Amino acid sequence: MTQYVIGDIQGCLAELNRLLVELAFNPGKDTLWFTGDLVNRGPQSLQTLRLIYQNDGCMQTVLGNHDLHLLALHYGYGKIKRSDTISDILLAPDKNQLLGWLEQQPLMLQQHDFVMVHAGIWPEWSITQAQALAHEVENELHTSPADFFAQMYGNKPDCWHADLQGAERLRFITNVFTRMRALTKKGKLDFDYKSTLAQMPADLIAWFQADHRHNTDKTILFGHWSALGLYRGQNVICLDTGALWGGSLTALNLDDLSTTQIPSQTKLNLENI
């Protein structure tokens, strides 16, 4: 059995199918993890979601911000954006089946020395604490999804305090797992910066470069940051290599940490980010 981790697909089904052929993926033997953002902005979001749903026995995903956006729209919250490509899912005859499955997916997965999330883990959280906080959000999403999505959107609070409660606590945890890239030097979330490490302003740092991180005992696998690309260092591996923007779709073999990449045939206008 071989286990692979694949970066953000975002509806780029042609690239995913080509990658599975290149890997000689065997659904009866091999397994896949996805870093989230299965859907949105790419050309075949509905078909991508159906493929992974139908192979639930050998494919697992964590939730990304675009997956949560889709679910929020399903429950009547948020707004369709100009660059969204998920309306066909919301109109599909099997939408309840697909979205019922999607909302049961976790924010964090662990196996042996690896942890997978969509965007990152707050530097002050240990792996154990992060898993417990992920479960808090998952429990709310599973038991009161409409209430959760009614209060999910927003950039505040932007700093962690253990005494955060209610919607603010859930929103911060969700933003960390699904939207985080950069932090200010004062230790606050910055949602504006989306470019490369080399271009990062002096007053910002990547979340995984923060001093005194409490979660370096395992390798954290994540996506979300397409401008970062394939990155290894500081006990993290980023696997979002910009399939949506004309880059590539990347798979990581967890047995030997080798990577396989398929050049993308999809290229969206960066103004649609």
C-alpha atoms as a PDB file:
ATOM      1  CA  MET A   1       0.000   0.000   0.000  1.00  0.00           C
ATOM      2  CA  THR A   2       1.220   3.475  -0.871  1.00  0.00           C
ATOM      3  CA  GLN A   3      -0.185   6.645   0.659  1.00  0.00           C
ATOM      4  CA  TYR A   4      -0.089   9.891  -1.259  1.00  0.00           C
ATOM      5  CA  VAL A   5      -0.951  13.468  -0.321  1.00  0.00           C
ATOM      6  CA  ILE A   6      -2.201  15.754  -3.090  1.00  0.00           C
ATOM      7  CA  GLY A   7      -2.329  19.550  -2.954  1.00  0.00           C
ATOM      8  CA  ASP A   8      -5.269  21.849  -3.683  1.00  0.00           C
ATOM      9  CA  ILE A   9      -7.342  20.645  -6.658  1.00  0.00           C
ATOM     10  CA  GLN A  10      -9.995  23.384  -6.801  1.00  0.00           C
ATOM     11  CA  GLY A  11     -11.963  21.668  -9.507  1.00  0.00           C
ATOM     12  CA  CYS A  12      -8.991  20.883 -11.785  1.00  0.00           C
ATOM     13  CA  LEU A  13     -10.245  17.381 -12.511  1.00  0.00           C
ATOM     14  CA  ALA A  14      -8.240  16.831 -15.707  1.00  0.00           C
ATOM     15  CA  GLU A  15      -5.001  17.386 -13.809  1.00  0.00           C
ATOM     16  CA  LEU A  16      -6.134  15.085 -10.997  1.00  0.00           C
ATOM     17  CA  ASN A  17      -7.007  12.283 -13.410  1.00  0.00           C
ATOM     18  CA  ARG A  18      -3.643  12.634 -15.177  1.00  0.00           C
ATOM     19  CA  LEU A  19      -1.857  12.571 -11.835  1.00  0.00           C
ATOM     20  CA  LEU A  20      -3.676   9.408 -10.745  1.00  0.00           C
ATOM     21  CA  VAL A  21      -2.612   7.731 -14.005  1.00  0.00           C
ATOM     22  CA  GLU A  22       0.987   8.855 -13.505  1.00  0.00           C
ATOM     23  CA  LEU A  23       0.941   7.405  -9.980  1.00  0.00           C
ATOM     24  CA  ALA A  24      -0.672   4.176 -11.223  1.00  0.00           C
ATOM     25  CA  PHE A  25      -3.062   4.735  -8.322  1.00  0.00           C
ATOM     26  CA  ASN A  26      -4.809   1.536  -7.229  1.00  0.00           C
ATOM     27  CA  PRO A  27      -8.029   2.300  -5.267  1.00  0.00           C
ATOM     28  CA  GLY A  28      -8.043  -1.176  -3.788  1.00  0.00           C
ATOM     29  CA  LYS A  29      -4.536  -0.837  -2.395  1.00  0.00           C
ATOM     30  CA  ASP A  30      -3.347   2.776  -2.307  1.00  0.00           C
ATOM     31  CA  THR A  31      -4.795   5.690  -0.342  1.00  0.00           C
ATOM     32  CA  LEU A  32      -4.958   9.440  -0.896  1.00  0.00           C
ATOM     33  CA  TRP A  33      -5.079  12.475   1.374  1.00  0.00           C
ATOM     34  CA  PHE A  34      -6.138  15.833  -0.037  1.00  0.00           C
ATOM     35  CA  THR A  35      -5.087  19.129   1.550  1.00  0.00           C
ATOM     36  CA  GLY A  36      -8.556  20.630   1.092  1.00  0.00           C
ATOM     37  CA  ASP A  37     -10.075  23.071  -1.397  1.00  0.00           C
ATOM     38  CA  LEU A  38     -11.405  20.264  -3.520  1.00  0.00           C
ATOM     39  CA  VAL A  39     -13.638  22.754  -5.301  1.00  0.00           C
ATOM     40  CA  ASN A  40     -14.067  26.284  -6.647  1.00  0.00           C
ATOM     41  CA  ARG A  41     -12.578  28.496  -9.339  1.00  0.00           C
ATOM     42  CA  GLY A  42     -11.485  25.523 -11.437  1.00  0.00           C
ATOM     43  CA  PRO A  43     -13.593  24.173 -14.338  1.00  0.00           C
ATOM     44  CA  GLN A  44     -14.964  20.894 -12.898  1.00  0.00           C
ATOM     45  CA  SER A  45     -15.798  21.337  -9.229  1.00  0.00           C
ATOM     46  CA  LEU A  46     -18.922  19.148  -9.278  1.00  0.00           C
ATOM     47  CA  GLN A  47     -17.203  16.275 -11.071  1.00  0.00           C
ATOM     48  CA  THR A  48     -14.198  16.503  -8.732  1.00  0.00           C
ATOM     49  CA  LEU A  49     -16.404  16.316  -5.664  1.00  0.00           C
ATOM     50  CA  ARG A  50     -18.285  13.349  -7.087  1.00  0.00           C
ATOM     51  CA  LEU A  51     -15.072  11.455  -7.853  1.00  0.00           C
ATOM     52  CA  ILE A  52     -13.704  11.811  -4.332  1.00  0.00           C
ATOM     53  CA  TYR A  53     -17.083  11.084  -2.735  1.00  0.00           C
ATOM     54  CA  GLN A  54     -17.378   7.885  -4.770  1.00  0.00           C
ATOM     55  CA  ASN A  55     -13.904   6.803  -3.605  1.00  0.00           C
ATOM     56  CA  ASP A  56     -14.422   7.688   0.051  1.00  0.00           C
ATOM     57  CA  GLY A  57     -12.995   4.342   1.123  1.00  0.00           C
ATOM     58  CA  CYS A  58      -9.514   5.196  -0.131  1.00  0.00           C
ATOM     59  CA  MET A  59      -9.570   9.005  -0.302  1.00  0.00           C
ATOM     60  CA  GLN A  60      -9.697  11.440   2.632  1.00  0.00           C
ATOM     61  CA  THR A  61      -9.660  15.208   2.755  1.00  0.00           C
ATOM     62  CA  VAL A  62      -9.512  18.025   5.250  1.00  0.00           C
ATOM     63  CA  LEU A  63     -11.759  21.039   4.797  1.00  0.00           C
ATOM     64  CA  GLY A  64     -10.385  24.122   3.075  1.00  0.00           C
ATOM     65  CA  ASN A  65     -11.776  27.643   2.969  1.00  0.00           C
ATOM     66  CA  HIS A  66     -13.382  27.080  -0.439  1.00  0.00           C
ATOM     67  CA  ASP A  67     -15.044  23.885   0.784  1.00  0.00           C
ATOM     68  CA  LEU A  68     -16.458  25.773   3.767  1.00  0.00           C
ATOM     69  CA  HIS A  69     -17.602  28.600   1.480  1.00  0.00           C
ATOM     70  CA  LEU A  70     -19.547  26.069  -0.588  1.00  0.00           C
ATOM     71  CA  LEU A  71     -21.183  24.641   2.526  1.00  0.00           C
ATOM     72  CA  ALA A  72     -22.041  28.109   3.820  1.00  0.00           C
ATOM     73  CA  LEU A  73     -23.816  28.928   0.552  1.00  0.00           C
ATOM     74  CA  HIS A  74     -25.715  25.651   0.842  1.00  0.00           C
ATOM     75  CA  TYR A  75     -27.037  26.809   4.230  1.00  0.00           C
ATOM     76  CA  GLY A  76     -27.908  30.268   2.937  1.00  0.00           C
ATOM     77  CA  TYR A  77     -24.915  32.268   4.155  1.00  0.00           C
ATOM     78  CA  GLY A  78     -22.183  34.103   2.272  1.00  0.00           C
ATOM     79  CA  LYS A  79     -22.420  35.351  -1.294  1.00  0.00           C
ATOM     80  CA  ILE A  80     -21.486  33.846  -4.653  1.00  0.00           C
ATOM     81  CA  LYS A  81     -18.395  35.647  -5.924  1.00  0.00           C
ATOM     82  CA  ARG A  82     -17.610  36.506  -9.534  1.00  0.00           C
ATOM     83  CA  SER A  83     -14.821  33.912  -9.661  1.00  0.00           C
ATOM     84  CA  ASP A  84     -16.786  31.080  -7.973  1.00  0.00           C
ATOM     85  CA  THR A  85     -17.438  27.929 -10.008  1.00  0.00           C
ATOM     86  CA  ILE A  86     -19.643  26.040  -7.568  1.00  0.00           C
ATOM     87  CA  SER A  87     -23.164  26.999  -8.659  1.00  0.00           C
ATOM     88  CA  ASP A  88     -23.580  23.682 -10.481  1.00  0.00           C
ATOM     89  CA  ILE A  89     -22.964  21.836  -7.204  1.00  0.00           C
ATOM     90  CA  LEU A  90     -25.693  23.849  -5.491  1.00  0.00           C
ATOM     91  CA  LEU A  91     -28.081  22.927  -8.328  1.00  0.00           C
ATOM     92  CA  ALA A  92     -27.049  19.282  -8.688  1.00  0.00           C
ATOM     93  CA  PRO A  93     -29.654  16.554  -8.018  1.00  0.00           C
ATOM     94  CA  ASP A  94     -27.200  14.821  -5.675  1.00  0.00           C
ATOM     95  CA  LYS A  95     -26.117  17.996  -3.841  1.00  0.00           C
ATOM     96  CA  ASN A  96     -27.522  16.917  -0.467  1.00  0.00           C
ATOM     97  CA  GLN A  97     -25.617  13.645  -0.625  1.00  0.00           C
ATOM     98  CA  LEU A  98     -22.376  15.315  -1.708  1.00  0.00           C
ATOM     99  CA  LEU A  99     -22.545  18.223   0.740  1.00  0.00           C
ATOM    100  CA  GLY A 100     -23.712  16.009   3.585  1.00  0.00           C
ATOM    101  CA  TRP A 101     -20.529  13.999   3.062  1.00  0.00           C
ATOM    102  CA  LEU A 102     -18.359  17.109   2.720  1.00  0.00           C
ATOM    103  CA  GLU A 103     -19.501  18.663   5.998  1.00  0.00           C
ATOM    104  CA  GLN A 104     -18.476  15.500   7.837  1.00  0.00           C
ATOM    105  CA  GLN A 105     -14.839  15.897   6.788  1.00  0.00           C
ATOM    106  CA  PRO A 106     -12.282  16.989   9.422  1.00  0.00           C
ATOM    107  CA  LEU A 107     -10.070  20.056   9.726  1.00  0.00           C
ATOM    108  CA  MET A 108      -7.039  17.970  10.679  1.00  0.00           C
ATOM    109  CA  LEU A 109      -5.789  14.447  10.025  1.00  0.00           C
ATOM    110  CA  GLN A 110      -2.926  12.610  11.713  1.00  0.00           C
ATOM    111  CA  GLN A 111      -0.960   9.507  10.819  1.00  0.00           C
ATOM    112  CA  HIS A 112       2.334   8.450  12.382  1.00  0.00           C
ATOM    113  CA  ASP A 113       4.742  11.398  12.027  1.00  0.00           C
ATOM    114  CA  PHE A 114       2.485  13.435   9.742  1.00  0.00           C
ATOM    115  CA  VAL A 115      -0.308  15.919  10.325  1.00  0.00           C
ATOM    116  CA  MET A 116      -2.401  17.404   7.524  1.00  0.00           C
ATOM    117  CA  VAL A 117      -4.373  20.647   7.583  1.00  0.00           C
ATOM    118  CA  HIS A 118      -5.427  23.019   4.830  1.00  0.00           C
ATOM    119  CA  ALA A 119      -3.559  26.211   5.782  1.00  0.00           C
ATOM    120  CA  GLY A 120      -1.550  25.748   8.970  1.00  0.00           C
ATOM    121  CA  ILE A 121      -1.459  25.374  12.757  1.00  0.00           C
ATOM    122  CA  TRP A 122      -1.176  28.316  15.129  1.00  0.00           C
ATOM    123  CA  PRO A 123       2.455  28.434  16.343  1.00  0.00           C
ATOM    124  CA  GLU A 124       1.501  28.381  20.031  1.00  0.00           C
ATOM    125  CA  TRP A 125      -0.617  25.238  19.688  1.00  0.00           C
ATOM    126  CA  SER A 126       0.851  21.809  20.252  1.00  0.00           C
ATOM    127  CA  ILE A 127      -0.303  19.028  17.937  1.00  0.00           C
ATOM    128  CA  THR A 128      -2.483  17.650  20.718  1.00  0.00           C
ATOM    129  CA  GLN A 129      -4.061  21.035  21.407  1.00  0.00           C
ATOM    130  CA  ALA A 130      -4.602  21.674  17.707  1.00  0.00           C
ATOM    131  CA  GLN A 131      -6.426  18.370  17.336  1.00  0.00           C
ATOM    132  CA  ALA A 132      -8.682  19.183  20.282  1.00  0.00           C
ATOM    133  CA  LEU A 133      -9.479  22.628  18.850  1.00  0.00           C
ATOM    134  CA  ALA A 134     -10.190  21.134  15.431  1.00  0.00           C
ATOM    135  CA  HIS A 135     -12.676  18.790  17.104  1.00  0.00           C
ATOM    136  CA  GLU A 136     -14.418  21.786  18.708  1.00  0.00           C
ATOM    137  CA  VAL A 137     -15.156  23.249  15.292  1.00  0.00           C
ATOM    138  CA  GLU A 138     -16.038  19.885  13.776  1.00  0.00           C
ATOM    139  CA  ASN A 139     -18.528  19.168  16.577  1.00  0.00           C
ATOM    140  CA  GLU A 140     -20.247  22.514  16.007  1.00  0.00           C
ATOM    141  CA  LEU A 141     -20.290  21.956  12.256  1.00  0.00           C
ATOM    142  CA  HIS A 142     -21.831  18.522  12.698  1.00  0.00           C
ATOM    143  CA  THR A 143     -24.428  19.463  15.323  1.00  0.00           C
ATOM    144  CA  SER A 144     -25.395  23.049  14.416  1.00  0.00           C
ATOM    145  CA  PRO A 145     -24.187  23.754  10.877  1.00  0.00           C
ATOM    146  CA  ALA A 146     -26.566  26.641  10.169  1.00  0.00           C
ATOM    147  CA  ASP A 147     -25.519  28.417  13.368  1.00  0.00           C
ATOM    148  CA  PHE A 148     -21.867  27.808  12.567  1.00  0.00           C
ATOM    149  CA  PHE A 149     -22.022  29.252   9.057  1.00  0.00           C
ATOM    150  CA  ALA A 150     -24.108  32.214  10.174  1.00  0.00           C
ATOM    151  CA  GLN A 151     -21.096  33.419  12.157  1.00  0.00           C
ATOM    152  CA  MET A 152     -18.149  31.903  10.258  1.00  0.00           C
ATOM    153  CA  TYR A 153     -17.153  34.837   8.036  1.00  0.00           C
ATOM    154  CA  GLY A 154     -14.873  37.567   9.380  1.00  0.00           C
ATOM    155  CA  ASN A 155     -11.233  38.405  10.178  1.00  0.00           C
ATOM    156  CA  LYS A 156     -11.603  39.033  13.902  1.00  0.00           C
ATOM    157  CA  PRO A 157     -10.333  38.039  16.361  1.00  0.00           C
ATOM    158  CA  ASP A 158      -6.853  37.992  14.816  1.00  0.00           C
ATOM    159  CA  CYS A 159      -4.912  36.666  17.806  1.00  0.00           C
ATOM    160  CA  TRP A 160      -5.328  33.605  19.995  1.00  0.00           C
ATOM    161  CA  HIS A 161      -6.453  33.800  23.588  1.00  0.00           C
ATOM    162  CA  ALA A 162      -7.336  30.644  25.473  1.00  0.00           C
ATOM    163  CA  ASP A 163     -10.373  32.378  26.981  1.00  0.00           C
ATOM    164  CA  LEU A 164     -11.993  33.095  23.610  1.00  0.00           C
ATOM    165  CA  GLN A 165     -15.544  31.786  23.619  1.00  0.00           C
ATOM    166  CA  GLY A 166     -18.497  31.195  21.359  1.00  0.00           C
ATOM    167  CA  ALA A 167     -18.503  32.362  17.747  1.00  0.00           C
ATOM    168  CA  GLU A 168     -15.227  34.290  18.108  1.00  0.00           C
ATOM    169  CA  ARG A 169     -13.396  31.190  19.318  1.00  0.00           C
ATOM    170  CA  LEU A 170     -14.800  29.030  16.518  1.00  0.00           C
ATOM    171  CA  ARG A 171     -14.079  31.688  13.883  1.00  0.00           C
ATOM    172  CA  PHE A 172     -10.466  32.101  14.950  1.00  0.00           C
ATOM    173  CA  ILE A 173      -9.817  28.350  14.994  1.00  0.00           C
ATOM    174  CA  THR A 174     -11.448  27.975  11.576  1.00  0.00           C
ATOM    175  CA  ASN A 175      -9.435  30.854  10.113  1.00  0.00           C
ATOM    176  CA  VAL A 176      -6.176  29.366  11.366  1.00  0.00           C
ATOM    177  CA  PHE A 177      -6.825  25.936   9.887  1.00  0.00           C
ATOM    178  CA  THR A 178      -8.243  27.156   6.574  1.00  0.00           C
ATOM    179  CA  ARG A 179      -7.029  30.724   5.798  1.00  0.00           C
ATOM    180  CA  MET A 180      -3.718  31.444   7.552  1.00  0.00           C
ATOM    181  CA  ARG A 181      -0.545  32.331   5.654  1.00  0.00           C
ATOM    182  CA  ALA A 182       1.294  35.243   7.239  1.00  0.00           C
ATOM    183  CA  LEU A 183       1.511  36.662  10.747  1.00  0.00           C
ATOM    184  CA  THR A 184       2.531  40.109  11.877  1.00  0.00           C
ATOM    185  CA  LYS A 185       5.613  40.441  14.048  1.00  0.00           C
ATOM    186  CA  LYS A 186       3.163  41.112  16.900  1.00  0.00           C
ATOM    187  CA  GLY A 187       1.688  37.642  16.426  1.00  0.00           C
ATOM    188  CA  LYS A 188      -1.563  38.519  14.679  1.00  0.00           C
ATOM    189  CA  LEU A 189      -3.138  36.988  11.594  1.00  0.00           C
ATOM    190  CA  ASP A 190      -2.627  38.890   8.348  1.00  0.00           C
ATOM    191  CA  PHE A 191      -5.143  37.930   5.664  1.00  0.00           C
ATOM    192  CA  ASP A 192      -3.923  40.275   2.935  1.00  0.00           C
ATOM    193  CA  TYR A 193      -0.529  38.838   2.044  1.00  0.00           C
ATOM    194  CA  LYS A 194      -0.658  36.048  -0.576  1.00  0.00           C
ATOM    195  CA  SER A 195       2.660  36.330  -2.421  1.00  0.00           C
ATOM    196  CA  THR A 196       6.025  34.573  -2.051  1.00  0.00           C
ATOM    197  CA  LEU A 197       8.359  34.279   0.922  1.00  0.00           C
ATOM    198  CA  ALA A 198      10.992  36.313  -0.923  1.00  0.00           C
ATOM    199  CA  GLN A 199       8.596  39.221  -1.376  1.00  0.00           C
ATOM    200  CA  MET A 200       7.229  39.179   2.161  1.00  0.00           C
ATOM    201  CA  PRO A 201       7.458  42.580   3.898  1.00  0.00           C
ATOM    202  CA  ALA A 202       9.760  42.900   6.889  1.00  0.00           C
ATOM    203  CA  ASP A 203       6.844  43.270   9.289  1.00  0.00           C
ATOM    204  CA  LEU A 204       5.401  39.853   8.366  1.00  0.00           C
ATOM    205  CA  ILE A 205       6.531  36.250   8.774  1.00  0.00           C
ATOM    206  CA  ALA A 206       5.184  32.950   7.506  1.00  0.00           C
ATOM    207  CA  TRP A 207       3.221  31.153  10.208  1.00  0.00           C
ATOM    208  CA  PHE A 208       5.732  28.278  10.228  1.00  0.00           C
ATOM    209  CA  GLN A 209       8.667  30.652  10.770  1.00  0.00           C
ATOM    210  CA  ALA A 210       7.361  31.967  14.077  1.00  0.00           C
ATOM    211  CA  ASP A 211       9.708  31.679  17.043  1.00  0.00           C
ATOM    212  CA  HIS A 212       9.071  29.010  19.670  1.00  0.00           C
ATOM    213  CA  ARG A 213       6.594  26.964  17.653  1.00  0.00           C
ATOM    214  CA  HIS A 214       5.009  24.230  19.756  1.00  0.00           C
ATOM    215  CA  ASN A 215       4.170  21.874  16.873  1.00  0.00           C
ATOM    216  CA  THR A 216       7.500  20.873  15.347  1.00  0.00           C
ATOM    217  CA  ASP A 217       7.400  17.301  16.650  1.00  0.00           C
ATOM    218  CA  LYS A 218       5.556  16.151  13.518  1.00  0.00           C
ATOM    219  CA  THR A 219       5.699  17.141   9.868  1.00  0.00           C
ATOM    220  CA  ILE A 220       2.767  19.374   8.961  1.00  0.00           C
ATOM    221  CA  LEU A 221       1.409  18.917   5.432  1.00  0.00           C
ATOM    222  CA  PHE A 222      -0.645  21.786   4.047  1.00  0.00           C
ATOM    223  CA  GLY A 223      -1.801  23.629   0.940  1.00  0.00           C
ATOM    224  CA  HIS A 224      -3.641  26.948   0.529  1.00  0.00           C
ATOM    225  CA  TRP A 225      -0.562  29.065  -0.289  1.00  0.00           C
ATOM    226  CA  SER A 226      -0.094  28.649  -4.041  1.00  0.00           C
ATOM    227  CA  ALA A 227       2.544  31.405  -4.290  1.00  0.00           C
ATOM    228  CA  LEU A 228       4.658  29.483  -1.780  1.00  0.00           C
ATOM    229  CA  GLY A 229       4.573  26.414  -4.012  1.00  0.00           C
ATOM    230  CA  LEU A 230       6.333  23.180  -3.138  1.00  0.00           C
ATOM    231  CA  TYR A 231       8.126  24.055   0.081  1.00  0.00           C
ATOM    232  CA  ARG A 232      10.012  21.948   2.627  1.00  0.00           C
ATOM    233  CA  GLY A 233      11.491  23.301   5.818  1.00  0.00           C
ATOM    234  CA  GLN A 234      10.718  24.036   9.463  1.00  0.00           C
ATOM    235  CA  ASN A 235       8.972  20.639   9.769  1.00  0.00           C
ATOM    236  CA  VAL A 236       6.382  21.577   7.134  1.00  0.00           C
ATOM    237  CA  ILE A 237       5.678  20.643   3.524  1.00  0.00           C
ATOM    238  CA  CYS A 238       3.468  22.857   1.361  1.00  0.00           C
ATOM    239  CA  LEU A 239       1.814  21.049  -1.547  1.00  0.00           C
ATOM    240  CA  ASP A 240      -0.263  23.765  -3.204  1.00  0.00           C
ATOM    241  CA  THR A 241       1.685  24.264  -6.428  1.00  0.00           C
ATOM    242  CA  GLY A 242      -0.860  26.380  -8.251  1.00  0.00           C
ATOM    243  CA  ALA A 243      -2.726  23.915 -10.460  1.00  0.00           C
ATOM    244  CA  LEU A 244      -5.432  26.567 -10.733  1.00  0.00           C
ATOM    245  CA  TRP A 245      -3.028  29.212 -11.994  1.00  0.00           C
ATOM    246  CA  GLY A 246      -1.104  27.274 -14.627  1.00  0.00           C
ATOM    247  CA  GLY A 247       1.379  25.686 -12.228  1.00  0.00           C
ATOM    248  CA  SER A 248       1.131  21.994 -11.430  1.00  0.00           C
ATOM    249  CA  LEU A 249      -0.732  19.476  -9.305  1.00  0.00           C
ATOM    250  CA  THR A 250       1.581  17.732  -6.849  1.00  0.00           C
ATOM    251  CA  ALA A 251       1.451  14.388  -5.049  1.00  0.00           C
ATOM    252  CA  LEU A 252       3.741  13.488  -2.150  1.00  0.00           C
ATOM    253  CA  ASN A 253       4.538   9.839  -1.434  1.00  0.00           C
ATOM    254  CA  LEU A 254       4.512   9.501   2.358  1.00  0.00           C
ATOM    255  CA  ASP A 255       6.699   6.395   2.231  1.00  0.00           C
ATOM    256  CA  ASP A 256       9.774   8.063   0.736  1.00  0.00           C
ATOM    257  CA  LEU A 257       8.712  11.755   0.505  1.00  0.00           C
ATOM    258  CA  SER A 258       9.205  11.763  -3.258  1.00  0.00           C
ATOM    259  CA  THR A 259       6.954  14.014  -5.325  1.00  0.00           C
ATOM    260  CA  THR A 260       5.157  13.596  -8.633  1.00  0.00           C
ATOM    261  CA  GLN A 261       3.899  16.641 -10.528  1.00  0.00           C
ATOM    262  CA  ILE A 262       1.552  17.107 -13.463  1.00  0.00           C
ATOM    263  CA  PRO A 263       1.739  20.411 -15.374  1.00  0.00           C
ATOM    264  CA  SER A 264      -1.566  22.237 -15.301  1.00  0.00           C
ATOM    265  CA  GLN A 265      -3.676  22.991 -18.336  1.00  0.00           C
ATOM    266  CA  THR A 266      -5.743  25.463 -16.312  1.00  0.00           C
ATOM    267  CA  LYS A 267      -4.713  29.076 -16.028  1.00  0.00           C
ATOM    268  CA  LEU A 268      -7.001  31.657 -14.462  1.00  0.00           C
ATOM    269  CA  ASN A 269      -6.472  35.397 -14.362  1.00  0.00           C
ATOM    270  CA  LEU A 270      -4.689  36.276 -11.117  1.00  0.00           C
ATOM    271  CA  GLU A 271      -7.075  39.189 -10.707  1.00  0.00           C
ATOM    272  CA  ASN A 272      -9.710  36.592  -9.797  1.00  0.00           C
ATOM    273  CA  ILE A 273      -7.879  35.548  -6.602  1.00  0.00           C
END
